């Protein structure tokens, strides 16, 4: 991802990446998607709801067929349109119950 100032590539941790991406999504507002204008887009990492009604963020460990492992997150994107139904992209946290959270 570009640093936004010098146009050089920078590495961000997943949380900073989400923050930077959310900051740029406003540029999509007003575009037409499925016949309706985009009002806003929310982009976030998923996890369980805590007692204080906030959410934690789950990290998953994924192994490929070559035995390599990577840590990953589930991303949800909610697209709010002016008149049409809300569009959800990504899995709900409860749909990932078979995957073990690694913290």
N, C-alpha and C. Protein backbone atom coordinates (compact mmCIF):
# COMPACT_ATOMS: atom_id res chain seq x y z
N UNK A 1 0.86 -1.17 0.00
CA UNK A 1 0.00 0.00 0.00
C UNK A 1 0.90 1.23 0.00
N UNK A 2 0.54 2.21 -0.79
CA UNK A 2 1.30 3.45 -0.86
C UNK A 2 1.17 4.22 0.45
N UNK A 3 2.22 4.94 0.79
CA UNK A 3 2.16 5.74 2.02
C UNK A 3 1.32 7.00 1.85
N UNK A 4 0.88 7.30 0.62
CA UNK A 4 0.00 8.45 0.38
C UNK A 4 0.73 9.76 0.25
N UNK A 5 2.00 9.76 0.52
CA UNK A 5 2.77 11.01 0.43
C UNK A 5 3.84 10.91 -0.65
N UNK A 6 4.66 9.89 -0.59
CA UNK A 6 5.75 9.75 -1.56
C UNK A 6 5.47 8.69 -2.60
N UNK A 7 4.30 8.04 -2.51
CA UNK A 7 3.90 6.95 -3.41
C UNK A 7 4.87 5.78 -3.39
N UNK A 8 5.56 5.59 -2.30
CA UNK A 8 6.39 4.41 -2.14
C UNK A 8 5.60 3.36 -1.35
N UNK A 9 5.88 2.11 -1.67
CA UNK A 9 5.16 1.02 -0.99
C UNK A 9 5.61 0.93 0.46
N UNK A 10 4.64 0.69 1.34
CA UNK A 10 4.94 0.50 2.76
C UNK A 10 4.21 -0.72 3.25
N UNK A 11 4.80 -1.39 4.20
CA UNK A 11 4.13 -2.51 4.85
C UNK A 11 3.39 -1.99 6.07
N UNK A 12 2.16 -2.45 6.24
CA UNK A 12 1.35 -2.08 7.39
C UNK A 12 0.94 -3.34 8.12
N UNK A 13 0.80 -3.25 9.43
CA UNK A 13 0.21 -4.38 10.14
C UNK A 13 -1.26 -4.43 9.74
N UNK A 14 -1.95 -5.55 9.99
CA UNK A 14 -3.34 -5.68 9.53
C UNK A 14 -4.27 -4.58 10.04
N UNK A 15 -4.04 -4.10 11.25
CA UNK A 15 -4.92 -3.09 11.83
C UNK A 15 -4.73 -1.74 11.15
N UNK A 16 -3.49 -1.40 10.85
CA UNK A 16 -3.21 -0.15 10.14
C UNK A 16 -3.73 -0.23 8.70
N UNK A 17 -3.61 -1.42 8.08
CA UNK A 17 -4.13 -1.61 6.74
C UNK A 17 -5.63 -1.35 6.69
N UNK A 18 -6.36 -1.91 7.64
CA UNK A 18 -7.82 -1.70 7.70
C UNK A 18 -8.13 -0.22 7.89
N UNK A 19 -7.42 0.42 8.80
CA UNK A 19 -7.64 1.85 9.05
C UNK A 19 -7.40 2.67 7.79
N UNK A 20 -6.29 2.42 7.10
CA UNK A 20 -5.96 3.17 5.89
C UNK A 20 -6.97 2.90 4.77
N UNK A 21 -7.40 1.66 4.65
CA UNK A 21 -8.38 1.31 3.62
C UNK A 21 -9.71 2.00 3.89
N UNK A 22 -10.16 1.98 5.14
CA UNK A 22 -11.43 2.63 5.50
C UNK A 22 -11.39 4.12 5.16
N UNK A 23 -10.23 4.74 5.35
CA UNK A 23 -10.09 6.17 5.05
C UNK A 23 -10.30 6.48 3.57
N UNK A 24 -10.02 5.51 2.69
CA UNK A 24 -10.13 5.77 1.25
C UNK A 24 -11.50 5.39 0.68
N UNK A 25 -12.30 4.66 1.43
CA UNK A 25 -13.58 4.17 0.89
C UNK A 25 -14.59 5.29 0.62
N UNK A 26 -14.42 6.43 1.26
CA UNK A 26 -15.35 7.54 1.02
C UNK A 26 -15.35 7.94 -0.45
N UNK A 27 -14.25 7.65 -1.17
CA UNK A 27 -14.18 8.03 -2.59
C UNK A 27 -15.17 7.23 -3.45
N UNK A 28 -15.72 6.13 -2.91
CA UNK A 28 -16.70 5.33 -3.65
C UNK A 28 -18.13 5.80 -3.42
N UNK A 29 -18.32 6.67 -2.46
CA UNK A 29 -19.68 7.17 -2.18
C UNK A 29 -20.22 7.90 -3.40
N UNK A 30 -21.48 7.61 -3.72
CA UNK A 30 -22.12 8.23 -4.88
C UNK A 30 -22.04 7.39 -6.14
N UNK A 31 -21.12 6.42 -6.19
CA UNK A 31 -21.06 5.54 -7.35
C UNK A 31 -22.29 4.64 -7.37
N UNK A 32 -22.70 4.21 -8.55
CA UNK A 32 -23.86 3.34 -8.66
C UNK A 32 -23.41 1.89 -8.60
N UNK A 33 -24.06 1.13 -7.72
CA UNK A 33 -23.79 -0.30 -7.56
C UNK A 33 -25.12 -1.03 -7.55
N UNK A 34 -25.31 -1.95 -8.47
CA UNK A 34 -26.56 -2.70 -8.58
C UNK A 34 -27.78 -1.78 -8.66
N UNK A 35 -27.65 -0.71 -9.43
CA UNK A 35 -28.77 0.17 -9.68
C UNK A 35 -29.05 1.21 -8.62
N UNK A 36 -28.17 1.36 -7.62
CA UNK A 36 -28.41 2.35 -6.56
C UNK A 36 -27.08 2.98 -6.16
N UNK A 37 -27.15 4.20 -5.69
CA UNK A 37 -25.93 4.91 -5.27
C UNK A 37 -25.42 4.40 -3.93
N UNK A 38 -24.10 4.31 -3.82
CA UNK A 38 -23.47 3.93 -2.56
C UNK A 38 -23.54 5.13 -1.61
N UNK A 39 -24.08 4.88 -0.43
CA UNK A 39 -24.14 5.92 0.61
C UNK A 39 -22.85 5.89 1.44
N UNK A 40 -22.44 4.69 1.88
CA UNK A 40 -21.19 4.54 2.63
C UNK A 40 -20.76 3.08 2.63
N UNK A 41 -19.50 2.86 2.98
CA UNK A 41 -18.95 1.51 3.05
C UNK A 41 -18.18 1.39 4.36
N UNK A 42 -18.41 0.30 5.07
CA UNK A 42 -17.69 0.00 6.31
C UNK A 42 -16.88 -1.27 6.08
N UNK A 43 -15.64 -1.26 6.50
CA UNK A 43 -14.66 -2.32 6.23
C UNK A 43 -14.01 -2.64 7.56
N UNK A 44 -14.12 -3.87 8.04
CA UNK A 44 -13.59 -4.17 9.37
C UNK A 44 -13.21 -5.64 9.52
N UNK A 45 -12.38 -5.92 10.51
CA UNK A 45 -12.01 -7.28 10.88
C UNK A 45 -13.04 -7.80 11.87
N UNK A 46 -13.33 -9.10 11.81
CA UNK A 46 -14.40 -9.65 12.64
C UNK A 46 -13.86 -10.34 13.90
N UNK A 47 -14.77 -10.55 14.83
CA UNK A 47 -14.50 -11.26 16.07
C UNK A 47 -15.77 -11.35 16.88
N UNK A 48 -15.64 -11.83 18.10
CA UNK A 48 -16.80 -11.99 18.96
C UNK A 48 -17.14 -10.70 19.69
N UNK A 49 -18.43 -10.53 20.00
CA UNK A 49 -18.87 -9.38 20.78
C UNK A 49 -18.50 -9.62 22.24
N UNK A 50 -17.89 -8.61 22.86
CA UNK A 50 -17.51 -8.69 24.27
C UNK A 50 -18.63 -8.14 25.15
N UNK A 51 -18.48 -8.30 26.44
CA UNK A 51 -19.51 -7.84 27.38
C UNK A 51 -19.79 -6.34 27.26
N UNK A 52 -18.75 -5.56 26.92
CA UNK A 52 -18.94 -4.12 26.80
C UNK A 52 -19.53 -3.72 25.44
N UNK A 53 -19.98 -4.73 24.65
CA UNK A 53 -20.63 -4.58 23.35
C UNK A 53 -19.67 -4.23 22.23
N UNK A 54 -18.37 -4.09 22.53
CA UNK A 54 -17.38 -3.93 21.47
C UNK A 54 -17.01 -5.32 20.96
N UNK A 55 -16.20 -5.37 19.93
CA UNK A 55 -15.81 -6.65 19.34
C UNK A 55 -14.30 -6.84 19.46
N UNK A 56 -13.90 -8.08 19.73
CA UNK A 56 -12.47 -8.38 19.63
C UNK A 56 -12.18 -8.74 18.18
N UNK A 57 -10.94 -8.92 17.84
CA UNK A 57 -10.56 -9.29 16.48
C UNK A 57 -9.85 -10.63 16.55
N UNK A 58 -10.35 -11.58 15.77
CA UNK A 58 -9.78 -12.92 15.77
C UNK A 58 -8.72 -13.06 14.68
N UNK A 59 -7.65 -13.75 15.03
CA UNK A 59 -6.59 -14.08 14.08
C UNK A 59 -6.64 -15.60 13.88
N UNK A 60 -6.56 -16.02 12.64
CA UNK A 60 -6.62 -17.44 12.30
C UNK A 60 -5.29 -17.88 11.69
N UNK A 61 -4.90 -19.12 11.95
CA UNK A 61 -3.69 -19.68 11.34
C UNK A 61 -4.15 -20.64 10.25
N UNK A 62 -3.65 -20.41 9.05
CA UNK A 62 -4.06 -21.19 7.88
C UNK A 62 -2.84 -21.93 7.35
N UNK A 63 -2.98 -23.23 7.13
CA UNK A 63 -1.91 -24.04 6.56
C UNK A 63 -2.30 -24.44 5.14
N UNK A 64 -1.34 -24.32 4.21
CA UNK A 64 -1.64 -24.72 2.84
C UNK A 64 -1.15 -26.15 2.60
N UNK A 65 -1.37 -26.65 1.39
CA UNK A 65 -1.03 -28.03 1.07
C UNK A 65 0.48 -28.29 1.08
N UNK A 66 1.28 -27.24 1.10
CA UNK A 66 2.74 -27.37 1.14
C UNK A 66 3.28 -27.30 2.56
N UNK A 67 2.38 -27.18 3.52
CA UNK A 67 2.79 -27.13 4.92
C UNK A 67 3.18 -25.74 5.40
N UNK A 68 3.03 -24.74 4.56
CA UNK A 68 3.32 -23.37 4.98
C UNK A 68 2.13 -22.80 5.73
N UNK A 69 2.41 -22.03 6.75
CA UNK A 69 1.32 -21.41 7.50
C UNK A 69 1.38 -19.90 7.39
N UNK A 70 0.23 -19.31 7.46
CA UNK A 70 0.07 -17.85 7.45
C UNK A 70 -1.00 -17.50 8.47
N UNK A 71 -0.85 -16.36 9.06
CA UNK A 71 -1.91 -15.84 9.91
C UNK A 71 -2.82 -14.99 9.04
N UNK A 72 -4.10 -15.06 9.33
CA UNK A 72 -5.06 -14.30 8.55
C UNK A 72 -6.21 -13.82 9.41
N UNK A 73 -7.03 -13.00 8.84
CA UNK A 73 -8.18 -12.41 9.51
C UNK A 73 -9.39 -12.54 8.59
N UNK A 74 -10.56 -12.46 9.14
CA UNK A 74 -11.77 -12.38 8.33
C UNK A 74 -12.14 -10.90 8.21
N UNK A 75 -12.36 -10.47 7.01
CA UNK A 75 -12.75 -9.08 6.74
C UNK A 75 -14.22 -9.06 6.33
N UNK A 76 -14.96 -8.13 6.88
CA UNK A 76 -16.34 -7.89 6.49
C UNK A 76 -16.42 -6.53 5.84
N UNK A 77 -17.22 -6.47 4.81
CA UNK A 77 -17.48 -5.20 4.14
C UNK A 77 -18.99 -5.03 4.06
N UNK A 78 -19.49 -3.93 4.57
CA UNK A 78 -20.91 -3.60 4.50
C UNK A 78 -21.06 -2.40 3.58
N UNK A 79 -21.86 -2.57 2.54
CA UNK A 79 -22.07 -1.50 1.58
C UNK A 79 -23.49 -0.98 1.78
N UNK A 80 -23.60 0.26 2.22
CA UNK A 80 -24.89 0.91 2.45
C UNK A 80 -25.24 1.71 1.20
N UNK A 81 -26.43 1.43 0.66
CA UNK A 81 -26.88 2.16 -0.52
C UNK A 81 -28.02 3.08 -0.14
N UNK A 82 -28.24 4.10 -0.95
CA UNK A 82 -29.25 5.12 -0.60
C UNK A 82 -30.65 4.55 -0.50
N UNK A 83 -31.04 3.67 -1.43
CA UNK A 83 -32.41 3.15 -1.43
C UNK A 83 -32.46 1.63 -1.35
N UNK A 84 -31.46 0.97 -1.87
CA UNK A 84 -31.47 -0.49 -1.96
C UNK A 84 -31.06 -1.16 -0.66
N UNK A 85 -31.14 -2.48 -0.68
CA UNK A 85 -30.77 -3.26 0.49
C UNK A 85 -29.28 -3.16 0.75
N UNK A 86 -28.92 -3.35 1.99
CA UNK A 86 -27.53 -3.39 2.42
C UNK A 86 -26.86 -4.60 1.77
N UNK A 87 -25.63 -4.44 1.30
CA UNK A 87 -24.86 -5.54 0.71
C UNK A 87 -23.78 -5.95 1.70
N UNK A 88 -23.75 -7.23 2.06
CA UNK A 88 -22.75 -7.77 2.97
C UNK A 88 -21.76 -8.60 2.18
N UNK A 89 -20.48 -8.38 2.41
CA UNK A 89 -19.42 -9.21 1.83
C UNK A 89 -18.57 -9.77 2.96
N UNK A 90 -18.20 -11.03 2.87
CA UNK A 90 -17.40 -11.67 3.92
C UNK A 90 -18.27 -12.54 4.81
N UNK A 91 -17.62 -13.36 5.61
CA UNK A 91 -18.33 -14.30 6.48
C UNK A 91 -18.62 -13.67 7.84
N UNK A 92 -19.77 -14.03 8.41
CA UNK A 92 -20.07 -13.63 9.78
C UNK A 92 -19.16 -14.43 10.71
N UNK A 93 -18.82 -13.89 11.85
CA UNK A 93 -17.94 -14.57 12.80
C UNK A 93 -18.46 -15.97 13.14
N UNK A 94 -19.75 -16.11 13.34
CA UNK A 94 -20.32 -17.41 13.72
C UNK A 94 -20.15 -18.45 12.62
N UNK A 95 -19.95 -18.03 11.38
CA UNK A 95 -19.74 -18.96 10.27
C UNK A 95 -18.33 -19.54 10.26
N UNK A 96 -17.46 -19.01 11.10
CA UNK A 96 -16.07 -19.45 11.15
C UNK A 96 -15.77 -20.30 12.38
N UNK A 97 -16.81 -20.85 13.00
CA UNK A 97 -16.66 -21.59 14.25
C UNK A 97 -15.71 -22.78 14.12
N UNK A 98 -15.61 -23.38 12.95
CA UNK A 98 -14.74 -24.54 12.78
C UNK A 98 -13.24 -24.16 12.74
N UNK A 99 -12.95 -22.90 12.57
CA UNK A 99 -11.56 -22.44 12.54
C UNK A 99 -11.13 -22.03 13.93
N UNK A 100 -9.93 -22.40 14.29
CA UNK A 100 -9.43 -22.06 15.63
C UNK A 100 -8.80 -20.67 15.62
N UNK A 101 -9.20 -19.88 16.58
CA UNK A 101 -8.64 -18.54 16.79
C UNK A 101 -7.28 -18.70 17.46
N UNK A 102 -6.24 -18.04 16.91
CA UNK A 102 -4.90 -18.15 17.51
C UNK A 102 -4.49 -16.88 18.24
N UNK A 103 -5.44 -15.99 18.48
CA UNK A 103 -5.15 -14.80 19.27
C UNK A 103 -4.73 -13.62 18.56
